[in-house]
Amino acid sequence: QQPVIDVNGDGTLNILIIGTTNSIKNNSKAFSTNQISIELQSILSFDTSIPINVNVEAEDIYKTKNISSGIANQFTSNLDYFCHSLIQYYYWPDGHSDRMNNLTGDNGTDWDYVIIGADPFMISTIPGYYSLGVNKIAAKVHQGGAIPLLLMVWPEDPSLIGHFEEFTYRTADGAEVELKNIPAALAWNDLPSQLKDVASVQPTPNGSYLAA
């Protein structure tokens, strides 16, 4: 039996990929899904086994806002606030309703799949916080009827791949809703060295294609 591609039956395969263009750690590479979405759009559009239109979009976790903040009840200062994590993305006040409606497919695009990526530094240092964000987003996506998928991103340091494997699978296995893992990091780790390109962004062009 063929798997259901058009989950919501609207005649279009709609896929949202969440990632981040900025890491919380200075001078650390984040994991942008912008190029992954372009590669996936191309791959699926040329797949003759998919008889419907394909729409793949990327969503950036990273946000910033300058707010006048009271400090110690004595003075105020204009401070920059940043959104780097999945849980911040989930609760960030600006545009919250639109963002929640987007995850449930009620903001203009009814998603069939929502793929969840994250800042590698978050996974390597505070995996519990990462897992909480994944769970919140996956539950909201499931509420809207789409299928959430967890993208195993990879760090710059290949020695950490085992850590990423452990915590990504633990997050998926313990999720509140059904959440399958896409083990892209393991595929990247097993890629022949001559195909592991180097770039100023993460993932690299070859890494983006592999993830797609």
Protein backbone atom coordinates (compact mmCIF):
# COMPACT_ATOMS: atom_id res chain seq x y z
CA GLN A 1 0.00 0.00 0.00
CA GLN A 2 1.34 3.42 -1.01
CA PRO A 3 1.76 5.94 1.82
CA VAL A 4 -0.56 8.92 1.83
CA ILE A 5 1.38 11.85 0.38
CA ASP A 6 -1.38 14.46 0.45
CA VAL A 7 -2.23 14.10 4.14
CA ASN A 8 -5.03 16.69 4.19
CA GLY A 9 -6.37 15.86 0.74
CA ASP A 10 -6.25 19.42 -0.62
CA GLY A 11 -4.43 18.52 -3.82
CA THR A 12 -1.04 20.00 -2.85
CA LEU A 13 1.88 18.53 -0.94
CA ASN A 14 2.72 21.30 1.54
CA ILE A 15 5.86 20.96 3.65
CA LEU A 16 7.20 23.41 6.25
CA ILE A 17 10.81 23.11 7.45
CA ILE A 18 11.78 24.94 10.64
CA GLY A 19 15.40 25.93 11.28
CA THR A 20 17.49 28.91 12.38
CA THR A 21 19.85 31.30 10.64
CA ASN A 22 21.58 32.36 13.88
CA SER A 23 23.04 30.33 16.74
CA ILE A 24 22.77 31.48 20.34
CA LYS A 25 26.55 31.05 20.60
CA ASN A 26 28.63 33.77 18.99
CA ASN A 27 30.74 32.59 16.04
CA SER A 28 28.95 29.24 16.03
CA LYS A 29 27.17 28.02 12.92
CA ALA A 30 23.41 27.63 13.17
CA PHE A 31 21.41 25.24 10.97
CA SER A 32 19.43 27.11 8.35
CA THR A 33 16.76 25.19 6.46
CA ASN A 34 16.49 27.76 3.67
CA GLN A 35 18.63 25.83 1.18
CA ILE A 36 17.18 22.50 2.33
CA SER A 37 13.72 23.73 1.40
CA ILE A 38 14.96 24.78 -2.07
CA GLU A 39 16.59 21.39 -2.64
CA LEU A 40 13.53 19.49 -1.37
CA GLN A 41 11.23 21.55 -3.59
CA SER A 42 13.36 20.63 -6.59
CA ILE A 43 13.61 16.93 -5.70
CA LEU A 44 9.89 16.48 -5.12
CA SER A 45 8.79 18.61 -8.08
CA PHE A 46 10.77 16.36 -10.45
CA ASP A 47 9.54 13.14 -8.81
CA THR A 48 7.15 11.63 -11.34
CA SER A 49 5.60 9.41 -8.65
CA ILE A 50 4.09 12.52 -7.02
CA PRO A 51 1.07 13.51 -9.15
CA ILE A 52 0.22 16.73 -7.29
CA ASN A 53 1.71 20.18 -6.86
CA VAL A 54 4.50 20.57 -4.30
CA ASN A 55 5.11 23.54 -2.01
CA VAL A 56 8.08 23.55 0.38
CA GLU A 57 8.74 26.54 2.65
CA ALA A 58 11.35 27.35 5.31
CA GLU A 59 10.62 29.08 8.61
CA ASP A 60 13.35 30.87 10.60
CA ILE A 61 13.31 30.53 14.38
CA TYR A 62 15.59 33.54 14.87
CA LYS A 63 13.93 36.79 15.90
CA THR A 64 15.04 39.94 17.71
CA LYS A 65 13.39 42.94 19.33
CA ASN A 66 14.60 46.01 21.20
CA ILE A 67 12.52 46.79 24.28
CA SER A 68 12.77 49.51 26.93
CA SER A 69 13.25 47.45 30.10
CA GLY A 70 13.07 48.41 33.75
CA ILE A 71 16.09 47.31 35.76
CA ALA A 72 16.09 46.95 39.57
CA ASN A 73 13.21 49.42 39.79
CA GLN A 74 15.72 52.25 39.38
CA PHE A 75 16.23 52.98 35.69
CA THR A 76 15.28 51.76 32.25
CA SER A 77 17.44 50.75 29.35
CA ASN A 78 16.78 49.76 25.76
CA LEU A 79 17.79 46.11 25.57
CA ASP A 80 17.91 43.69 22.65
CA TYR A 81 16.04 40.42 23.13
CA PHE A 82 16.62 37.41 20.91
CA CYS A 83 14.78 34.24 19.92
CA HIS A 84 17.17 31.36 19.26
CA SER A 85 15.40 28.25 20.55
CA LEU A 86 12.32 26.28 19.58
CA ILE A 87 10.61 27.00 22.90
CA GLN A 88 11.25 30.74 22.50
CA TYR A 89 9.89 30.51 18.96
CA TYR A 90 6.78 28.85 20.36
CA TYR A 91 6.13 31.55 22.99
CA TRP A 92 7.60 34.69 21.33
CA PRO A 93 4.85 37.34 21.86
CA ASP A 94 5.05 39.18 18.53
CA GLY A 95 2.95 37.44 15.90
CA HIS A 96 2.14 34.60 18.30
CA SER A 97 -1.38 33.94 17.01
CA ASP A 98 -0.25 33.91 13.39
CA ARG A 99 2.63 31.57 14.26
CA MET A 100 0.39 29.14 16.11
CA ASN A 101 -2.15 29.25 13.29
CA ASN A 102 0.63 28.59 10.82
CA LEU A 103 1.71 25.47 12.74
CA THR A 104 -1.86 24.16 12.74
CA GLY A 105 -2.30 24.96 9.06
CA ASP A 106 -4.79 27.78 9.65
CA ASN A 107 -2.78 30.73 8.40
CA GLY A 108 -3.04 30.38 4.64
CA THR A 109 -1.26 27.07 4.06
CA ASP A 110 -2.59 23.73 5.28
CA TRP A 111 0.60 21.76 5.89
CA ASP A 112 0.90 18.03 5.28
CA TYR A 113 4.28 17.76 7.00
CA VAL A 114 6.21 20.04 9.35
CA ILE A 115 9.90 19.21 9.77
CA ILE A 116 11.53 20.50 12.96
CA GLY A 117 15.19 21.53 13.03
CA ALA A 118 17.06 23.54 15.67
CA ASP A 119 20.25 25.33 16.69
CA PRO A 120 22.96 22.64 17.08
CA PHE A 121 24.44 24.46 20.07
CA MET A 122 21.13 24.07 21.94
CA ILE A 123 21.11 20.32 21.34
CA SER A 124 24.73 19.92 22.43
CA THR A 125 24.44 21.94 25.65
CA ILE A 126 20.80 21.95 26.88
CA PRO A 127 19.08 18.98 25.21
CA GLY A 128 16.19 19.00 27.70
CA TYR A 129 15.31 22.56 26.71
CA TYR A 130 15.55 21.52 23.06
CA SER A 131 13.27 18.54 23.70
CA LEU A 132 10.66 20.75 25.38
CA GLY A 133 10.54 23.01 22.34
CA VAL A 134 10.27 20.08 19.95
CA ASN A 135 7.38 18.64 21.97
CA LYS A 136 5.46 21.91 22.04
CA ILE A 137 5.76 22.42 18.30
CA ALA A 138 5.09 18.79 17.38
CA ALA A 139 1.92 18.77 19.52
CA LYS A 140 0.67 21.96 17.87
CA VAL A 141 1.37 20.57 14.40
CA HIS A 142 -0.42 17.33 15.27
CA GLN A 143 -3.36 19.35 16.54
CA GLY A 144 -3.75 20.80 13.07
CA GLY A 145 -3.69 17.41 11.39
CA ALA A 146 -0.22 17.58 9.79
CA ILE A 147 2.54 15.06 10.44
CA PRO A 148 5.49 16.40 12.49
CA LEU A 149 8.96 15.06 11.73
CA LEU A 150 12.17 15.69 13.66
CA LEU A 151 15.28 16.58 11.65
CA MET A 152 18.51 15.35 13.21
CA VAL A 153 20.83 18.26 12.47
CA TRP A 154 24.59 17.97 12.89
CA PRO A 155 27.27 20.10 14.57
CA GLU A 156 30.54 21.40 13.15
CA ASP A 157 32.42 18.97 15.43
CA PRO A 158 31.85 15.42 14.07
CA SER A 159 32.78 13.90 17.44
CA LEU A 160 29.41 15.12 18.77
CA ILE A 161 27.31 13.17 16.26
CA GLY A 162 26.72 10.40 18.81
CA HIS A 163 25.32 12.92 21.29
CA PHE A 164 22.99 14.32 18.64
CA GLU A 165 21.85 10.83 17.69
CA GLU A 166 21.08 9.93 21.30
CA PHE A 167 19.11 13.04 22.20
CA THR A 168 17.26 13.36 18.92
CA TYR A 169 16.01 9.79 19.17
CA ARG A 170 15.21 10.19 22.86
CA THR A 171 13.23 13.33 22.05
CA ALA A 172 11.29 11.59 19.29
CA ASP A 173 10.69 8.41 21.29
CA GLY A 174 9.40 10.35 24.31
CA ALA A 175 7.30 12.84 22.41
CA GLU A 176 3.71 13.54 23.40
CA VAL A 177 2.55 12.78 19.85
CA GLU A 178 3.92 10.40 17.22
CA LEU A 179 7.17 11.91 16.00
CA LYS A 180 9.49 10.16 13.58
CA ASN A 181 13.17 11.01 13.35
CA ILE A 182 14.93 11.96 10.10
CA PRO A 183 18.54 10.82 10.76
CA ALA A 184 20.20 13.29 8.40
CA ALA A 185 23.20 13.71 10.73
CA LEU A 186 24.00 10.01 10.53
CA ALA A 187 23.80 10.12 6.73
CA TRP A 188 26.15 13.12 6.70
CA ASN A 189 28.55 11.35 9.06
CA ASP A 190 28.68 8.32 6.73
CA LEU A 191 29.15 10.40 3.59
CA PRO A 192 32.52 9.86 1.83
CA SER A 193 34.98 12.58 2.80
CA GLN A 194 35.26 13.88 -0.77
CA LEU A 195 31.55 14.76 -0.69
CA LYS A 196 31.72 16.63 2.62
CA ASP A 197 32.08 20.16 1.35
CA VAL A 198 33.04 23.15 3.50
CA ALA A 199 31.16 26.45 3.57
CA SER A 200 30.58 29.46 5.78
CA VAL A 201 27.01 28.28 6.41
CA GLN A 202 25.59 25.20 8.08
CA PRO A 203 24.52 22.97 6.42
CA THR A 204 26.78 23.23 3.40
CA PRO A 205 25.34 22.96 -0.13
CA ASN A 206 26.00 19.20 -0.19
CA GLY A 207 24.65 18.91 3.35
CA SER A 208 21.46 20.71 2.35
CA TYR A 209 20.95 18.38 -0.59
CA LEU A 210 21.61 15.34 1.60
CA ALA A 211 19.14 16.53 4.24
CA ALA A 212 16.53 17.15 1.57
